[in-house]
Amino acid sequence: MPGWINADRRSAPDIDVRGDFRDGLPLADAVHVALAARGDVTRYHGRLGARERRESQDAFMSGARRVMIATNAFGLGIDKADIRCIVHYQLPGSIEAYYQEAGRAGRDGEPAVCAQLYDVADRRVQQFFLGGRYPDATMLAAVAAALQSGGAAGATLDEVHATLPQWGANKLRVALKILRDAAVAVARPQQRDALNGAPDEATFERLAVAYRERGDADREKLERMVFYA
């Protein structure tokens, strides 16, 4: 971690980590492991159990843990006035997202630092999600069927990929996100997803069309964020 982050501050950095993966772990977990030796670090992302998320949030809000490693699942409704530093480890998808997330710092009116770390690979990750390799309705239905085969426990990305080897893991990850965002799938502990309800063919077609139509607007937002970074 850069030295200026370790400077004497009254509150911890809130490191907002996007949903990429590294060494088989969600990136938030990978960063958490790298910083765990500090002893005052906790984490928060949507794949943790409800109890661990609540305990992490309480520890950060009370000051028992000074550093929060989090995805943007953390922050909605969070109002900790004395956050002195926020670091975005990866590129947000838009200026609007960055503004909202960076706005958590310095709410007490005192000086705060907001930093955006940037690597060209971050742009490639975002461009993949916005690119032409859109999951279609057939693929979304197949992923849903793979989750359904896991019952209430659902399936991991690796298990879905083993069932559907004709599609790459990254594309399957996008499909899972689409299903989660639409509440067709729900996150389970241990990086699993489970089917929610009994979606029909029209649901998958609607989700696929909506995802494609969103692409142009999101690409424009991304280019503005890259220009800023």
Protein backbone atom coordinates (compact mmCIF):
# COMPACT_ATOMS: atom_id res chain seq x y z
CA MET A 1 0.00 0.00 0.00
CA PRO A 2 1.41 3.44 -0.90
CA GLY A 3 3.04 5.28 1.96
CA TRP A 4 0.71 8.26 1.82
CA ILE A 5 -2.19 5.95 2.66
CA ASN A 6 -0.36 4.80 5.78
CA ALA A 7 0.03 8.36 7.01
CA ASP A 8 -1.40 9.22 10.42
CA ARG A 9 -5.10 9.72 9.76
CA ARG A 10 -8.03 9.82 12.13
CA SER A 11 -9.91 7.18 10.16
CA ALA A 12 -9.09 4.36 7.83
CA PRO A 13 -8.92 4.18 4.09
CA ASP A 14 -12.07 2.78 2.59
CA ILE A 15 -10.72 0.80 -0.36
CA ASP A 16 -13.51 0.28 -2.85
CA VAL A 17 -12.69 -2.80 -4.93
CA ARG A 18 -14.62 -3.79 -8.02
CA GLY A 19 -15.79 -7.32 -8.82
CA ASP A 20 -12.79 -8.75 -10.66
CA PHE A 21 -11.03 -11.98 -9.66
CA ARG A 22 -7.37 -12.72 -8.87
CA ASP A 23 -5.76 -16.08 -8.07
CA GLY A 24 -9.21 -17.65 -7.94
CA LEU A 25 -10.49 -15.20 -5.30
CA PRO A 26 -12.83 -12.26 -5.65
CA LEU A 27 -10.49 -9.27 -5.81
CA ALA A 28 -11.80 -7.88 -2.53
CA ASP A 29 -10.71 -11.11 -0.83
CA ALA A 30 -7.31 -11.05 -2.56
CA VAL A 31 -6.62 -7.49 -1.36
CA HIS A 32 -7.87 -8.41 2.11
CA VAL A 33 -5.42 -11.32 2.28
CA ALA A 34 -2.57 -9.05 1.12
CA LEU A 35 -3.27 -6.51 3.88
CA ALA A 36 -4.37 -8.87 6.65
CA ALA A 37 -1.03 -8.60 8.47
CA ARG A 38 -1.97 -5.03 9.46
CA GLY A 39 -4.47 -6.51 11.89
CA ASP A 40 -6.99 -3.68 11.52
CA VAL A 41 -8.48 -4.71 8.19
CA THR A 42 -11.92 -6.09 7.43
CA ARG A 43 -13.84 -6.81 4.21
CA TYR A 44 -17.31 -6.58 2.74
CA HIS A 45 -18.77 -7.97 -0.48
CA GLY A 46 -21.97 -9.61 -1.62
CA ARG A 47 -20.67 -13.18 -1.50
CA LEU A 48 -20.04 -13.12 2.23
CA GLY A 49 -22.70 -14.47 4.56
CA ALA A 50 -25.09 -12.00 6.14
CA ARG A 51 -23.55 -12.45 9.59
CA GLU A 52 -20.00 -11.76 8.39
CA ARG A 53 -21.14 -8.71 6.43
CA ARG A 54 -22.92 -7.33 9.49
CA GLU A 55 -19.92 -7.98 11.75
CA SER A 56 -17.53 -6.36 9.26
CA GLN A 57 -19.74 -3.31 8.90
CA ASP A 58 -20.11 -2.93 12.67
CA ALA A 59 -16.35 -3.27 13.21
CA PHE A 60 -15.62 -0.57 10.63
CA MET A 61 -18.32 1.81 11.80
CA SER A 62 -17.23 1.49 15.44
CA GLY A 63 -13.55 2.04 14.62
CA ALA A 64 -12.50 -1.46 15.73
CA ARG A 65 -11.23 -1.97 12.17
CA ARG A 66 -9.67 1.03 10.45
CA VAL A 67 -9.48 -0.35 6.90
CA MET A 68 -12.46 -1.63 4.94
CA ILE A 69 -11.81 -3.61 1.75
CA ALA A 70 -15.11 -3.56 -0.08
CA THR A 71 -16.96 -3.80 -3.33
CA ASN A 72 -19.66 -1.31 -4.11
CA ALA A 73 -22.05 -3.60 -2.23
CA PHE A 74 -20.77 -1.62 0.76
CA GLY A 75 -21.70 2.02 0.96
CA LEU A 76 -25.40 2.24 0.24
CA GLY A 77 -26.82 3.79 3.37
CA ILE A 78 -23.40 3.91 5.05
CA ASP A 79 -22.65 7.27 6.66
CA LYS A 80 -19.34 7.30 8.53
CA ALA A 81 -18.45 10.96 8.80
CA ASP A 82 -14.71 10.71 9.52
CA ILE A 83 -13.41 8.60 6.61
CA ARG A 84 -10.14 10.25 5.65
CA CYS A 85 -9.15 8.27 2.57
CA ILE A 86 -10.86 6.28 -0.20
CA VAL A 87 -8.88 4.34 -2.79
CA HIS A 88 -10.48 2.80 -5.85
CA TYR A 89 -8.34 -0.24 -6.65
CA GLN A 90 -10.04 -0.69 -10.02
CA LEU A 91 -11.70 1.62 -12.49
CA PRO A 92 -15.42 2.27 -11.86
CA GLY A 93 -17.69 2.02 -14.86
CA SER A 94 -18.63 5.71 -14.88
CA ILE A 95 -17.84 9.14 -13.49
CA GLU A 96 -21.21 9.03 -11.73
CA ALA A 97 -20.27 5.81 -9.89
CA TYR A 98 -16.87 7.25 -8.90
CA TYR A 99 -18.44 10.49 -7.66
CA GLN A 100 -20.99 8.65 -5.56
CA GLU A 101 -18.44 6.27 -4.03
CA ALA A 102 -15.74 8.89 -3.45
CA GLY A 103 -18.36 11.05 -1.79
CA ARG A 104 -18.22 8.84 1.31
CA ALA A 105 -14.99 10.56 2.39
CA GLY A 106 -14.72 13.69 4.52
CA ARG A 107 -18.39 14.04 5.35
CA ASP A 108 -17.37 15.74 8.60
CA GLY A 109 -16.01 18.67 6.58
CA GLU A 110 -12.36 17.85 7.32
CA PRO A 111 -9.79 17.18 4.54
CA ALA A 112 -9.87 13.73 2.93
CA VAL A 113 -8.03 12.02 0.08
CA CYS A 114 -9.72 10.14 -2.79
CA ALA A 115 -7.50 8.22 -5.19
CA GLN A 116 -8.19 6.23 -8.34
CA LEU A 117 -5.57 3.58 -9.13
CA TYR A 118 -5.48 2.92 -12.86
CA ASP A 119 -4.08 0.16 -15.03
CA VAL A 120 -4.89 -0.35 -18.70
CA ALA A 121 -6.05 -3.85 -17.77
CA ASP A 122 -8.90 -2.28 -15.80
CA ARG A 123 -10.19 -0.74 -18.99
CA ARG A 124 -10.03 -4.11 -20.72
CA VAL A 125 -12.07 -5.68 -17.91
CA GLN A 126 -14.73 -3.00 -18.21
CA GLN A 127 -14.70 -3.19 -22.00
CA PHE A 128 -15.27 -6.92 -21.86
CA PHE A 129 -18.43 -6.39 -19.84
CA LEU A 130 -19.51 -3.74 -22.35
CA GLY A 131 -18.25 -5.55 -25.44
CA GLY A 132 -19.99 -7.42 -28.21
CA ARG A 133 -19.81 -10.81 -26.50
CA TYR A 134 -23.27 -10.47 -25.03
CA PRO A 135 -24.83 -13.52 -23.40
CA ASP A 136 -27.96 -14.36 -25.38
CA ALA A 137 -31.23 -15.80 -24.10
CA THR A 138 -30.12 -19.36 -24.87
CA MET A 139 -26.98 -18.98 -22.78
CA LEU A 140 -28.83 -17.33 -19.88
CA ALA A 141 -31.34 -20.20 -19.85
CA ALA A 142 -28.51 -22.75 -19.86
CA VAL A 143 -26.76 -21.05 -16.94
CA ALA A 144 -30.04 -20.94 -15.03
CA ALA A 145 -30.50 -24.67 -15.65
CA ALA A 146 -26.97 -25.33 -14.35
CA LEU A 147 -27.80 -23.42 -11.17
CA GLN A 148 -31.09 -25.26 -10.81
CA SER A 149 -29.27 -28.60 -10.92
CA GLY A 150 -27.48 -27.55 -7.73
CA GLY A 151 -30.73 -27.17 -5.84
CA ALA A 152 -30.91 -24.76 -2.92
CA ALA A 153 -27.10 -24.73 -2.59
CA GLY A 154 -26.71 -23.61 -6.20
CA ALA A 155 -23.37 -23.83 -7.97
CA THR A 156 -20.01 -22.09 -8.18
CA LEU A 157 -18.71 -20.50 -11.36
CA ASP A 158 -16.34 -23.44 -11.80
CA GLU A 159 -19.22 -25.89 -11.51
CA VAL A 160 -21.27 -23.95 -14.05
CA HIS A 161 -18.26 -23.87 -16.37
CA ALA A 162 -17.79 -27.64 -16.01
CA THR A 163 -21.43 -28.11 -17.01
CA LEU A 164 -21.21 -25.60 -19.88
CA PRO A 165 -17.63 -25.86 -21.23
CA GLN A 166 -18.68 -24.42 -24.61
CA TRP A 167 -18.61 -20.95 -23.05
CA GLY A 168 -15.64 -19.26 -21.43
CA ALA A 169 -15.53 -18.58 -17.70
CA ASN A 170 -15.56 -14.79 -18.16
CA LYS A 171 -18.68 -14.90 -20.31
CA LEU A 172 -20.36 -17.21 -17.80
CA ARG A 173 -19.43 -14.76 -15.04
CA VAL A 174 -21.22 -12.00 -16.99
CA ALA A 175 -24.27 -14.23 -17.40
CA LEU A 176 -24.34 -14.96 -13.67
CA LYS A 177 -24.16 -11.24 -12.90
CA ILE A 178 -27.08 -10.55 -15.25
CA LEU A 179 -29.15 -13.22 -13.50
CA ARG A 180 -28.20 -11.90 -10.04
CA ASP A 181 -28.96 -8.29 -10.97
CA ALA A 182 -32.41 -9.36 -12.15
CA ALA A 183 -32.98 -11.47 -9.00
CA VAL A 184 -33.27 -14.55 -11.20
CA ALA A 185 -30.31 -15.88 -9.21
CA VAL A 186 -29.26 -15.15 -5.63
CA ALA A 187 -25.79 -15.24 -4.08
CA ARG A 188 -25.06 -18.02 -1.61
CA PRO A 189 -22.11 -18.48 0.77
CA GLN A 190 -18.83 -19.91 -0.54
CA GLN A 191 -19.09 -18.10 -3.89
CA ARG A 192 -22.18 -20.00 -4.99
CA ASP A 193 -25.30 -18.80 -6.83
CA ALA A 194 -28.72 -20.42 -6.74
CA LEU A 195 -31.73 -20.09 -9.02
CA ASN A 196 -34.52 -17.94 -7.64
CA GLY A 197 -37.98 -19.03 -8.77
CA ALA A 198 -38.85 -20.50 -12.17
CA PRO A 199 -37.96 -17.98 -14.92
CA ASP A 200 -39.40 -18.61 -18.38
CA GLU A 201 -38.01 -18.15 -21.88
CA ALA A 202 -39.48 -14.66 -22.17
CA THR A 203 -37.56 -13.60 -19.04
CA PHE A 204 -34.23 -14.68 -20.54
CA GLU A 205 -35.01 -12.94 -23.83
CA ARG A 206 -35.93 -9.74 -22.04
CA LEU A 207 -32.71 -9.78 -20.00
CA ALA A 208 -30.56 -10.43 -23.06
CA VAL A 209 -32.14 -7.59 -25.04
CA ALA A 210 -31.90 -5.16 -22.14
CA TYR A 211 -28.21 -5.99 -21.64
CA ARG A 212 -27.42 -5.34 -25.30
CA GLU A 213 -29.32 -2.04 -25.37
CA ARG A 214 -27.50 -0.79 -22.30
CA GLY A 215 -24.13 -1.30 -23.97
CA ASP A 216 -23.84 1.92 -25.99
CA ALA A 217 -24.66 4.21 -23.08
CA ASP A 218 -22.31 2.33 -20.77
CA ARG A 219 -19.45 2.50 -23.28
CA GLU A 220 -19.80 6.27 -23.41
CA LYS A 221 -19.73 6.47 -19.61
CA LEU A 222 -16.63 4.27 -19.49
CA GLU A 223 -14.76 6.47 -21.97
CA ARG A 224 -15.46 9.51 -19.80
CA MET A 225 -14.12 7.65 -16.76
CA VAL A 226 -10.98 6.57 -18.64
CA PHE A 227 -10.40 10.16 -19.78
CA TYR A 228 -10.67 11.32 -16.16
CA ALA A 229 -8.30 8.62 -14.88
